[in-house]
Amino acid sequence: MAKYDGIIGQEVLSVTEEENVLTVIFRDNRYLFVRVENGKLATESIPE
């Protein structure tokens, strides 16, 4: 998916896990949120 090409190869600084949400923070200050919605994975990235 071209939407996430900017994070390919980026160093991961931290990963946090909360209820139904996994947050990945990358070296260039990008955030990737992965959550479960209705039994399926959904993602959101900041900045997009």
PDB file of N, CA and C in Angstrom:
ATOM      1  N   MET A   1       0.840  -1.174   0.000  1.00  0.00           N
ATOM      2  CA  MET A   1       0.000   0.000   0.000  1.00  0.00           C
ATOM      3  C   MET A   1       0.885   1.238   0.000  1.00  0.00           C
ATOM      4  N   ALA A   2       0.703   2.059  -0.973  1.00  0.00           N
ATOM      5  CA  ALA A   2       1.510   3.271  -1.122  1.00  0.00           C
ATOM      6  C   ALA A   2       1.359   4.207   0.067  1.00  0.00           C
ATOM      7  N   LYS A   3       0.244   4.121   0.746  1.00  0.00           N
ATOM      8  CA  LYS A   3      -0.010   4.987   1.902  1.00  0.00           C
ATOM      9  C   LYS A   3       1.080   4.835   2.963  1.00  0.00           C
ATOM     10  N   TYR A   4       1.683   3.642   3.072  1.00  0.00           N
ATOM     11  CA  TYR A   4       2.664   3.371   4.114  1.00  0.00           C
ATOM     12  C   TYR A   4       4.087   3.263   3.590  1.00  0.00           C
ATOM     13  N   ASP A   5       4.341   3.661   2.350  1.00  0.00           N
ATOM     14  CA  ASP A   5       5.694   3.593   1.787  1.00  0.00           C
ATOM     15  C   ASP A   5       6.704   4.394   2.594  1.00  0.00           C
ATOM     16  N   GLY A   6       6.283   5.488   3.213  1.00  0.00           N
ATOM     17  CA  GLY A   6       7.184   6.344   3.981  1.00  0.00           C
ATOM     18  C   GLY A   6       7.755   5.708   5.235  1.00  0.00           C
ATOM     19  N   ILE A   7       7.144   4.650   5.728  1.00  0.00           N
ATOM     20  CA  ILE A   7       7.658   4.020   6.950  1.00  0.00           C
ATOM     21  C   ILE A   7       8.482   2.775   6.665  1.00  0.00           C
ATOM     22  N   ILE A   8       8.537   2.363   5.407  1.00  0.00           N
ATOM     23  CA  ILE A   8       9.341   1.189   5.063  1.00  0.00           C
ATOM     24  C   ILE A   8      10.809   1.496   5.348  1.00  0.00           C
ATOM     25  N   GLY A   9      11.438   0.658   6.136  1.00  0.00           N
ATOM     26  CA  GLY A   9      12.848   0.819   6.471  1.00  0.00           C
ATOM     27  C   GLY A   9      13.127   1.793   7.602  1.00  0.00           C
ATOM     28  N   GLN A  10      12.106   2.441   8.142  1.00  0.00           N
ATOM     29  CA  GLN A  10      12.309   3.388   9.242  1.00  0.00           C
ATOM     30  C   GLN A  10      12.563   2.632  10.544  1.00  0.00           C
ATOM     31  N   GLU A  11      13.411   3.193  11.377  1.00  0.00           N
ATOM     32  CA  GLU A  11      13.713   2.602  12.679  1.00  0.00           C
ATOM     33  C   GLU A  11      12.538   2.805  13.630  1.00  0.00           C
ATOM     34  N   VAL A  12      12.171   1.743  14.333  1.00  0.00           N
ATOM     35  CA  VAL A  12      11.091   1.799  15.314  1.00  0.00           C
ATOM     36  C   VAL A  12      11.673   2.218  16.660  1.00  0.00           C
ATOM     37  N   LEU A  13      11.114   3.290  17.232  1.00  0.00           N
ATOM     38  CA  LEU A  13      11.568   3.768  18.544  1.00  0.00           C
ATOM     39  C   LEU A  13      10.849   3.056  19.676  1.00  0.00           C
ATOM     40  N   SER A  14       9.538   2.894  19.542  1.00  0.00           N
ATOM     41  CA  SER A  14       8.799   2.209  20.603  1.00  0.00           C
ATOM     42  C   SER A  14       7.495   1.632  20.069  1.00  0.00           C
ATOM     43  N   VAL A  15       7.018   0.650  20.804  1.00  0.00           N
ATOM     44  CA  VAL A  15       5.735   0.022  20.512  1.00  0.00           C
ATOM     45  C   VAL A  15       4.995  -0.073  21.834  1.00  0.00           C
ATOM     46  N   THR A  16       3.766   0.413  21.855  1.00  0.00           N
ATOM     47  CA  THR A  16       2.951   0.303  23.066  1.00  0.00           C
ATOM     48  C   THR A  16       1.672  -0.442  22.724  1.00  0.00           C
ATOM     49  N   GLU A  17       1.195  -1.193  23.692  1.00  0.00           N
ATOM     50  CA  GLU A  17      -0.017  -1.982  23.504  1.00  0.00           C
ATOM     51  C   GLU A  17      -1.041  -1.566  24.545  1.00  0.00           C
ATOM     52  N   GLU A  18      -2.218  -1.191  24.078  1.00  0.00           N
ATOM     53  CA  GLU A  18      -3.338  -0.870  24.943  1.00  0.00           C
ATOM     54  C   GLU A  18      -4.489  -1.783  24.527  1.00  0.00           C
ATOM     55  N   GLU A  19      -5.626  -1.642  25.153  1.00  0.00           N
ATOM     56  CA  GLU A  19      -6.757  -2.498  24.816  1.00  0.00           C
ATOM     57  C   GLU A  19      -7.182  -2.273  23.371  1.00  0.00           C
ATOM     58  N   ASN A  20      -7.004  -3.273  22.545  1.00  0.00           N
ATOM     59  CA  ASN A  20      -7.378  -3.269  21.123  1.00  0.00           C
ATOM     60  C   ASN A  20      -6.615  -2.265  20.264  1.00  0.00           C
ATOM     61  N   VAL A  21      -5.525  -1.666  20.766  1.00  0.00           N
ATOM     62  CA  VAL A  21      -4.743  -0.718  19.973  1.00  0.00           C
ATOM     63  C   VAL A  21      -3.258  -0.974  20.173  1.00  0.00           C
ATOM     64  N   LEU A  22      -2.539  -1.047  19.074  1.00  0.00           N
ATOM     65  CA  LEU A  22      -1.089  -1.167  19.077  1.00  0.00           C
ATOM     66  C   LEU A  22      -0.555   0.113  18.443  1.00  0.00           C
ATOM     67  N   THR A  23       0.336   0.836  19.134  1.00  0.00           N
ATOM     68  CA  THR A  23       0.903   2.079  18.622  1.00  0.00           C
ATOM     69  C   THR A  23       2.385   1.871  18.356  1.00  0.00           C
ATOM     70  N   VAL A  24       2.804   2.180  17.114  1.00  0.00           N
ATOM     71  CA  VAL A  24       4.205   2.053  16.716  1.00  0.00           C
ATOM     72  C   VAL A  24       4.716   3.463  16.419  1.00  0.00           C
ATOM     73  N   ILE A  25       5.814   3.862  17.082  1.00  0.00           N
ATOM     74  CA  ILE A  25       6.405   5.187  16.871  1.00  0.00           C
ATOM     75  C   ILE A  25       7.739   4.997  16.157  1.00  0.00           C
ATOM     76  N   PHE A  26       7.903   5.708  15.040  1.00  0.00           N
ATOM     77  CA  PHE A  26       9.094   5.601  14.217  1.00  0.00           C
ATOM     78  C   PHE A  26      10.044   6.765  14.467  1.00  0.00           C
ATOM     79  N   ARG A  27      11.305   6.603  14.054  1.00  0.00           N
ATOM     80  CA  ARG A  27      12.374   7.580  14.275  1.00  0.00           C
ATOM     81  C   ARG A  27      11.995   8.973  13.749  1.00  0.00           C
ATOM     82  N   ASP A  28      11.318   9.055  12.599  1.00  0.00           N
ATOM     83  CA  ASP A  28      10.985  10.357  12.010  1.00  0.00           C
ATOM     84  C   ASP A  28       9.695  10.955  12.584  1.00  0.00           C
ATOM     85  N   ASN A  29       9.311  10.498  13.790  1.00  0.00           N
ATOM     86  CA  ASN A  29       8.157  11.010  14.533  1.00  0.00           C
ATOM     87  C   ASN A  29       6.824  10.691  13.860  1.00  0.00           C
ATOM     88  N   ARG A  30       6.769   9.589  13.136  1.00  0.00           N
ATOM     89  CA  ARG A  30       5.503   9.108  12.583  1.00  0.00           C
ATOM     90  C   ARG A  30       4.916   8.094  13.550  1.00  0.00           C
ATOM     91  N   TYR A  31       3.619   8.086  13.626  1.00  0.00           N
ATOM     92  CA  TYR A  31       2.902   7.152  14.478  1.00  0.00           C
ATOM     93  C   TYR A  31       2.044   6.257  13.590  1.00  0.00           C
ATOM     94  N   LEU A  32       1.978   4.981  13.917  1.00  0.00           N
ATOM     95  CA  LEU A  32       1.092   4.051  13.237  1.00  0.00           C
ATOM     96  C   LEU A  32       0.241   3.391  14.307  1.00  0.00           C
ATOM     97  N   PHE A  33      -1.072   3.537  14.174  1.00  0.00           N
ATOM     98  CA  PHE A  33      -2.014   2.940  15.110  1.00  0.00           C
ATOM     99  C   PHE A  33      -2.690   1.761  14.424  1.00  0.00           C
ATOM    100  N   VAL A  34      -2.641   0.619  15.063  1.00  0.00           N
ATOM    101  CA  VAL A  34      -3.296  -0.584  14.551  1.00  0.00           C
ATOM    102  C   VAL A  34      -4.307  -1.006  15.609  1.00  0.00           C
ATOM    103  N   ARG A  35      -5.560  -1.136  15.208  1.00  0.00           N
ATOM    104  CA  ARG A  35      -6.603  -1.490  16.169  1.00  0.00           C
ATOM    105  C   ARG A  35      -7.526  -2.555  15.564  1.00  0.00           C
ATOM    106  N   VAL A  36      -8.284  -3.177  16.418  1.00  0.00           N
ATOM    107  CA  VAL A  36      -9.245  -4.182  15.990  1.00  0.00           C
ATOM    108  C   VAL A  36     -10.631  -3.540  16.011  1.00  0.00           C
ATOM    109  N   GLU A  37     -11.315  -3.607  14.853  1.00  0.00           N
ATOM    110  CA  GLU A  37     -12.683  -3.095  14.741  1.00  0.00           C
ATOM    111  C   GLU A  37     -13.533  -4.191  14.113  1.00  0.00           C
ATOM    112  N   ASN A  38     -14.511  -4.661  14.827  1.00  0.00           N
ATOM    113  CA  ASN A  38     -15.405  -5.714  14.337  1.00  0.00           C
ATOM    114  C   ASN A  38     -14.635  -6.944  13.865  1.00  0.00           C
ATOM    115  N   GLY A  39     -13.575  -7.305  14.586  1.00  0.00           N
ATOM    116  CA  GLY A  39     -12.806  -8.493  14.266  1.00  0.00           C
ATOM    117  C   GLY A  39     -11.808  -8.332  13.142  1.00  0.00           C
ATOM    118  N   LYS A  40     -11.654  -7.118  12.599  1.00  0.00           N
ATOM    119  CA  LYS A  40     -10.702  -6.863  11.514  1.00  0.00           C
ATOM    120  C   LYS A  40      -9.706  -5.799  11.945  1.00  0.00           C
ATOM    121  N   LEU A  41      -8.496  -5.855  11.364  1.00  0.00           N
ATOM    122  CA  LEU A  41      -7.482  -4.845  11.669  1.00  0.00           C
ATOM    123  C   LEU A  41      -7.771  -3.557  10.915  1.00  0.00           C
ATOM    124  N   ALA A  42      -7.627  -2.433  11.580  1.00  0.00           N
ATOM    125  CA  ALA A  42      -7.767  -1.111  10.978  1.00  0.00           C
ATOM    126  C   ALA A  42      -6.533  -0.314  11.343  1.00  0.00           C
ATOM    127  N   THR A  43      -6.054   0.530  10.428  1.00  0.00           N
ATOM    128  CA  THR A  43      -4.845   1.311  10.689  1.00  0.00           C
ATOM    129  C   THR A  43      -5.087   2.792  10.465  1.00  0.00           C
ATOM    130  N   GLU A  44      -4.255   3.577  11.122  1.00  0.00           N
ATOM    131  CA  GLU A  44      -4.243   5.027  10.955  1.00  0.00           C
ATOM    132  C   GLU A  44      -2.810   5.467  11.163  1.00  0.00           C
ATOM    133  N   SER A  45      -2.315   6.366  10.313  1.00  0.00           N
ATOM    134  CA  SER A  45      -0.952   6.857  10.495  1.00  0.00           C
ATOM    135  C   SER A  45      -0.965   8.368  10.640  1.00  0.00           C
ATOM    136  N   ILE A  46      -0.021   8.870  11.440  1.00  0.00           N
ATOM    137  CA  ILE A  46       0.116  10.314  11.655  1.00  0.00           C
ATOM    138  C   ILE A  46       1.589  10.661  11.493  1.00  0.00           C
ATOM    139  N   PRO A  47       2.047  11.581  10.719  1.00  0.00           N
ATOM    140  CA  PRO A  47       1.275  12.240   9.662  1.00  0.00           C
ATOM    141  C   PRO A  47       1.042  11.284   8.504  1.00  0.00           C
ATOM    142  N   GLU A  48       0.027  11.572   7.708  1.00  0.00           N
ATOM    143  CA  GLU A  48      -0.273  10.721   6.556  1.00  0.00           C
ATOM    144  C   GLU A  48       0.451  11.205   5.348  1.00  0.00           C
TER     145      GLU A  48
END
